[in-house]
Amino acid sequence: MSSTDLDAPPLKSLLLAIVAVLGLHVLAAVALVAIKTPELKPEPKKRDVTT
């Protein structure tokens, strides 16, 4: 007799879910790499002119 769990999902469904999750993580990583971050420009110093 084999000790199989009848409530467990089929192996094909489990592998499909794992591949889908990994694929979405790869797409998210590619999207994050492709985003251009804004360049921070230093604000020009204001001169205090007293007359």
PDB file of N, CA and C in Angstrom:
ATOM      1  N   MET A   1       0.830  -1.182   0.000  1.00  0.00           N
ATOM      2  CA  MET A   1       0.000   0.000   0.000  1.00  0.00           C
ATOM      3  C   MET A   1       0.877   1.249   0.000  1.00  0.00           C
ATOM      4  N   SER A   2       0.418   2.269  -0.707  1.00  0.00           N
ATOM      5  CA  SER A   2       1.150   3.530  -0.726  1.00  0.00           C
ATOM      6  C   SER A   2       0.487   4.508   0.228  1.00  0.00           C
ATOM      7  N   SER A   3       1.287   5.382   0.783  1.00  0.00           N
ATOM      8  CA  SER A   3       0.746   6.373   1.722  1.00  0.00           C
ATOM      9  C   SER A   3       0.577   7.697   0.999  1.00  0.00           C
ATOM     10  N   THR A   4      -0.457   7.791   0.185  1.00  0.00           N
ATOM     11  CA  THR A   4      -0.722   9.031  -0.541  1.00  0.00           C
ATOM     12  C   THR A   4      -1.798   9.815   0.183  1.00  0.00           C
ATOM     13  N   ASP A   5      -1.669  11.121   0.150  1.00  0.00           N
ATOM     14  CA  ASP A   5      -2.659  12.004   0.763  1.00  0.00           C
ATOM     15  C   ASP A   5      -3.696  12.343  -0.301  1.00  0.00           C
ATOM     16  N   LEU A   6      -4.909  11.906  -0.102  1.00  0.00           N
ATOM     17  CA  LEU A   6      -5.944  12.124  -1.107  1.00  0.00           C
ATOM     18  C   LEU A   6      -6.410  13.577  -1.158  1.00  0.00           C
ATOM     19  N   ASP A   7      -6.140  14.351  -0.113  1.00  0.00           N
ATOM     20  CA  ASP A   7      -6.532  15.759  -0.090  1.00  0.00           C
ATOM     21  C   ASP A   7      -5.493  16.672  -0.735  1.00  0.00           C
ATOM     22  N   ALA A   8      -4.329  16.148  -1.060  1.00  0.00           N
ATOM     23  CA  ALA A   8      -3.261  16.956  -1.647  1.00  0.00           C
ATOM     24  C   ALA A   8      -3.598  17.277  -3.099  1.00  0.00           C
ATOM     25  N   PRO A   9      -3.210  18.472  -3.565  1.00  0.00           N
ATOM     26  CA  PRO A   9      -3.456  18.819  -4.972  1.00  0.00           C
ATOM     27  C   PRO A   9      -2.566  17.973  -5.884  1.00  0.00           C
ATOM     28  N   PRO A  10      -2.994  17.798  -7.133  1.00  0.00           N
ATOM     29  CA  PRO A  10      -2.170  17.021  -8.070  1.00  0.00           C
ATOM     30  C   PRO A  10      -0.814  17.690  -8.303  1.00  0.00           C
ATOM     31  N   LEU A  11       0.168  16.878  -8.591  1.00  0.00           N
ATOM     32  CA  LEU A  11       1.533  17.384  -8.793  1.00  0.00           C
ATOM     33  C   LEU A  11       1.590  18.390  -9.938  1.00  0.00           C
ATOM     34  N   LYS A  12       0.815  18.164 -10.999  1.00  0.00           N
ATOM     35  CA  LYS A  12       0.815  19.069 -12.149  1.00  0.00           C
ATOM     36  C   LYS A  12       0.343  20.468 -11.738  1.00  0.00           C
ATOM     37  N   SER A  13      -0.691  20.533 -10.913  1.00  0.00           N
ATOM     38  CA  SER A  13      -1.203  21.833 -10.456  1.00  0.00           C
ATOM     39  C   SER A  13      -0.197  22.536  -9.562  1.00  0.00           C
ATOM     40  N   LEU A  14       0.468  21.778  -8.716  1.00  0.00           N
ATOM     41  CA  LEU A  14       1.463  22.351  -7.816  1.00  0.00           C
ATOM     42  C   LEU A  14       2.635  22.924  -8.610  1.00  0.00           C
ATOM     43  N   LEU A  15       3.107  22.182  -9.591  1.00  0.00           N
ATOM     44  CA  LEU A  15       4.222  22.662 -10.414  1.00  0.00           C
ATOM     45  C   LEU A  15       3.813  23.886 -11.233  1.00  0.00           C
ATOM     46  N   LEU A  16       2.586  23.892 -11.735  1.00  0.00           N
ATOM     47  CA  LEU A  16       2.086  25.036 -12.492  1.00  0.00           C
ATOM     48  C   LEU A  16       2.028  26.285 -11.611  1.00  0.00           C
ATOM     49  N   ALA A  17       1.591  26.128 -10.377  1.00  0.00           N
ATOM     50  CA  ALA A  17       1.530  27.261  -9.450  1.00  0.00           C
ATOM     51  C   ALA A  17       2.928  27.786  -9.141  1.00  0.00           C
ATOM     52  N   ILE A  18       3.878  26.887  -8.937  1.00  0.00           N
ATOM     53  CA  ILE A  18       5.255  27.313  -8.642  1.00  0.00           C
ATOM     54  C   ILE A  18       5.850  28.059  -9.832  1.00  0.00           C
ATOM     55  N   VAL A  19       5.650  27.551 -11.041  1.00  0.00           N
ATOM     56  CA  VAL A  19       6.162  28.209 -12.242  1.00  0.00           C
ATOM     57  C   VAL A  19       5.505  29.578 -12.423  1.00  0.00           C
ATOM     58  N   ALA A  20       4.213  29.671 -12.150  1.00  0.00           N
ATOM     59  CA  ALA A  20       3.512  30.949 -12.285  1.00  0.00           C
ATOM     60  C   ALA A  20       4.056  31.979 -11.294  1.00  0.00           C
ATOM     61  N   VAL A  21       4.269  31.571 -10.063  1.00  0.00           N
ATOM     62  CA  VAL A  21       4.792  32.493  -9.047  1.00  0.00           C
ATOM     63  C   VAL A  21       6.206  32.940  -9.403  1.00  0.00           C
ATOM     64  N   LEU A  22       7.038  32.002  -9.834  1.00  0.00           N
ATOM     65  CA  LEU A  22       8.403  32.379 -10.223  1.00  0.00           C
ATOM     66  C   LEU A  22       8.396  33.308 -11.439  1.00  0.00           C
ATOM     67  N   GLY A  23       7.510  33.044 -12.386  1.00  0.00           N
ATOM     68  CA  GLY A  23       7.410  33.902 -13.565  1.00  0.00           C
ATOM     69  C   GLY A  23       6.999  35.319 -13.199  1.00  0.00           C
ATOM     70  N   LEU A  24       6.031  35.439 -12.298  1.00  0.00           N
ATOM     71  CA  LEU A  24       5.608  36.779 -11.874  1.00  0.00           C
ATOM     72  C   LEU A  24       6.719  37.503 -11.119  1.00  0.00           C
ATOM     73  N   HIS A  25       7.496  36.766 -10.335  1.00  0.00           N
ATOM     74  CA  HIS A  25       8.616  37.400  -9.632  1.00  0.00           C
ATOM     75  C   HIS A  25       9.678  37.892 -10.629  1.00  0.00           C
ATOM     76  N   VAL A  26       9.926  37.118 -11.663  1.00  0.00           N
ATOM     77  CA  VAL A  26      10.896  37.533 -12.682  1.00  0.00           C
ATOM     78  C   VAL A  26      10.387  38.778 -13.404  1.00  0.00           C
ATOM     79  N   LEU A  27       9.101  38.800 -13.754  1.00  0.00           N
ATOM     80  CA  LEU A  27       8.541  39.985 -14.414  1.00  0.00           C
ATOM     81  C   LEU A  27       8.622  41.212 -13.517  1.00  0.00           C
ATOM     82  N   ALA A  28       8.364  41.045 -12.238  1.00  0.00           N
ATOM     83  CA  ALA A  28       8.461  42.171 -11.307  1.00  0.00           C
ATOM     84  C   ALA A  28       9.902  42.672 -11.218  1.00  0.00           C
ATOM     85  N   ALA A  29      10.858  41.762 -11.194  1.00  0.00           N
ATOM     86  CA  ALA A  29      12.266  42.163 -11.132  1.00  0.00           C
ATOM     87  C   ALA A  29      12.680  42.913 -12.391  1.00  0.00           C
ATOM     88  N   VAL A  30      12.239  42.441 -13.543  1.00  0.00           N
ATOM     89  CA  VAL A  30      12.560  43.117 -14.809  1.00  0.00           C
ATOM     90  C   VAL A  30      11.937  44.513 -14.824  1.00  0.00           C
ATOM     91  N   ALA A  31      10.706  44.627 -14.343  1.00  0.00           N
ATOM     92  CA  ALA A  31      10.047  45.934 -14.315  1.00  0.00           C
ATOM     93  C   ALA A  31      10.778  46.893 -13.385  1.00  0.00           C
ATOM     94  N   LEU A  32      11.236  46.411 -12.241  1.00  0.00           N
ATOM     95  CA  LEU A  32      11.957  47.275 -11.310  1.00  0.00           C
ATOM     96  C   LEU A  32      13.298  47.727 -11.887  1.00  0.00           C
ATOM     97  N   VAL A  33      13.942  46.867 -12.647  1.00  0.00           N
ATOM     98  CA  VAL A  33      15.218  47.244 -13.258  1.00  0.00           C
ATOM     99  C   VAL A  33      14.992  48.270 -14.366  1.00  0.00           C
ATOM    100  N   ALA A  34      13.870  48.170 -15.065  1.00  0.00           N
ATOM    101  CA  ALA A  34      13.612  49.046 -16.203  1.00  0.00           C
ATOM    102  C   ALA A  34      13.161  50.444 -15.793  1.00  0.00           C
ATOM    103  N   ILE A  35      12.724  50.617 -14.559  1.00  0.00           N
ATOM    104  CA  ILE A  35      12.234  51.924 -14.115  1.00  0.00           C
ATOM    105  C   ILE A  35      13.410  52.882 -13.966  1.00  0.00           C
ATOM    106  N   LYS A  36      13.254  54.057 -14.551  1.00  0.00           N
ATOM    107  CA  LYS A  36      14.279  55.081 -14.389  1.00  0.00           C
ATOM    108  C   LYS A  36      13.948  55.892 -13.149  1.00  0.00           C
ATOM    109  N   THR A  37      14.905  56.001 -12.269  1.00  0.00           N
ATOM    110  CA  THR A  37      14.686  56.785 -11.060  1.00  0.00           C
ATOM    111  C   THR A  37      15.001  58.245 -11.358  1.00  0.00           C
ATOM    112  N   PRO A  38      14.264  59.161 -10.766  1.00  0.00           N
ATOM    113  CA  PRO A  38      14.552  60.576 -11.005  1.00  0.00           C
ATOM    114  C   PRO A  38      15.886  60.962 -10.374  1.00  0.00           C
ATOM    115  N   GLU A  39      16.605  61.809 -11.081  1.00  0.00           N
ATOM    116  CA  GLU A  39      17.889  62.256 -10.559  1.00  0.00           C
ATOM    117  C   GLU A  39      17.655  63.404  -9.592  1.00  0.00           C
ATOM    118  N   LEU A  40      18.308  63.324  -8.457  1.00  0.00           N
ATOM    119  CA  LEU A  40      18.190  64.395  -7.474  1.00  0.00           C
ATOM    120  C   LEU A  40      19.170  65.505  -7.834  1.00  0.00           C
ATOM    121  N   LYS A  41      18.625  66.699  -7.997  1.00  0.00           N
ATOM    122  CA  LYS A  41      19.464  67.841  -8.313  1.00  0.00           C
ATOM    123  C   LYS A  41      19.554  68.713  -7.067  1.00  0.00           C
ATOM    124  N   PRO A  42      20.762  69.103  -6.698  1.00  0.00           N
ATOM    125  CA  PRO A  42      20.883  69.946  -5.508  1.00  0.00           C
ATOM    126  C   PRO A  42      20.240  71.306  -5.758  1.00  0.00           C
ATOM    127  N   GLU A  43      19.543  71.779  -4.753  1.00  0.00           N
ATOM    128  CA  GLU A  43      18.885  73.075  -4.872  1.00  0.00           C
ATOM    129  C   GLU A  43      19.937  74.171  -4.799  1.00  0.00           C
ATOM    130  N   PRO A  44      19.879  75.147  -5.721  1.00  0.00           N
ATOM    131  CA  PRO A  44      20.887  76.216  -5.680  1.00  0.00           C
ATOM    132  C   PRO A  44      20.747  77.024  -4.385  1.00  0.00           C
ATOM    133  N   LYS A  45      21.895  77.389  -3.856  1.00  0.00           N
ATOM    134  CA  LYS A  45      21.882  78.153  -2.608  1.00  0.00           C
ATOM    135  C   LYS A  45      21.416  79.580  -2.880  1.00  0.00           C
ATOM    136  N   LYS A  46      20.528  80.043  -2.030  1.00  0.00           N
ATOM    137  CA  LYS A  46      20.047  81.418  -2.170  1.00  0.00           C
ATOM    138  C   LYS A  46      20.995  82.342  -1.406  1.00  0.00           C
ATOM    139  N   ARG A  47      21.375  83.397  -2.089  1.00  0.00           N
ATOM    140  CA  ARG A  47      22.268  84.343  -1.455  1.00  0.00           C
ATOM    141  C   ARG A  47      21.447  85.377  -0.686  1.00  0.00           C
ATOM    142  N   ASP A  48      21.856  85.619   0.515  1.00  0.00           N
ATOM    143  CA  ASP A  48      21.161  86.598   1.344  1.00  0.00           C
ATOM    144  C   ASP A  48      21.784  87.962   1.066  1.00  0.00           C
ATOM    145  N   VAL A  49      21.029  88.773   0.338  1.00  0.00           N
ATOM    146  CA  VAL A  49      21.528  90.096  -0.018  1.00  0.00           C
ATOM    147  C   VAL A  49      20.918  91.120   0.936  1.00  0.00           C
ATOM    148  N   THR A  50      21.760  91.728   1.711  1.00  0.00           N
ATOM    149  CA  THR A  50      21.292  92.776   2.630  1.00  0.00           C
ATOM    150  C   THR A  50      21.870  94.091   2.168  1.00  0.00           C
ATOM    151  N   THR A  51      20.996  95.064   2.025  1.00  0.00           N
ATOM    152  CA  THR A  51      21.484  96.384   1.580  1.00  0.00           C
ATOM    153  C   THR A  51      21.220  97.430   2.600  1.00  0.00           C
TER     154      THR A  51
END
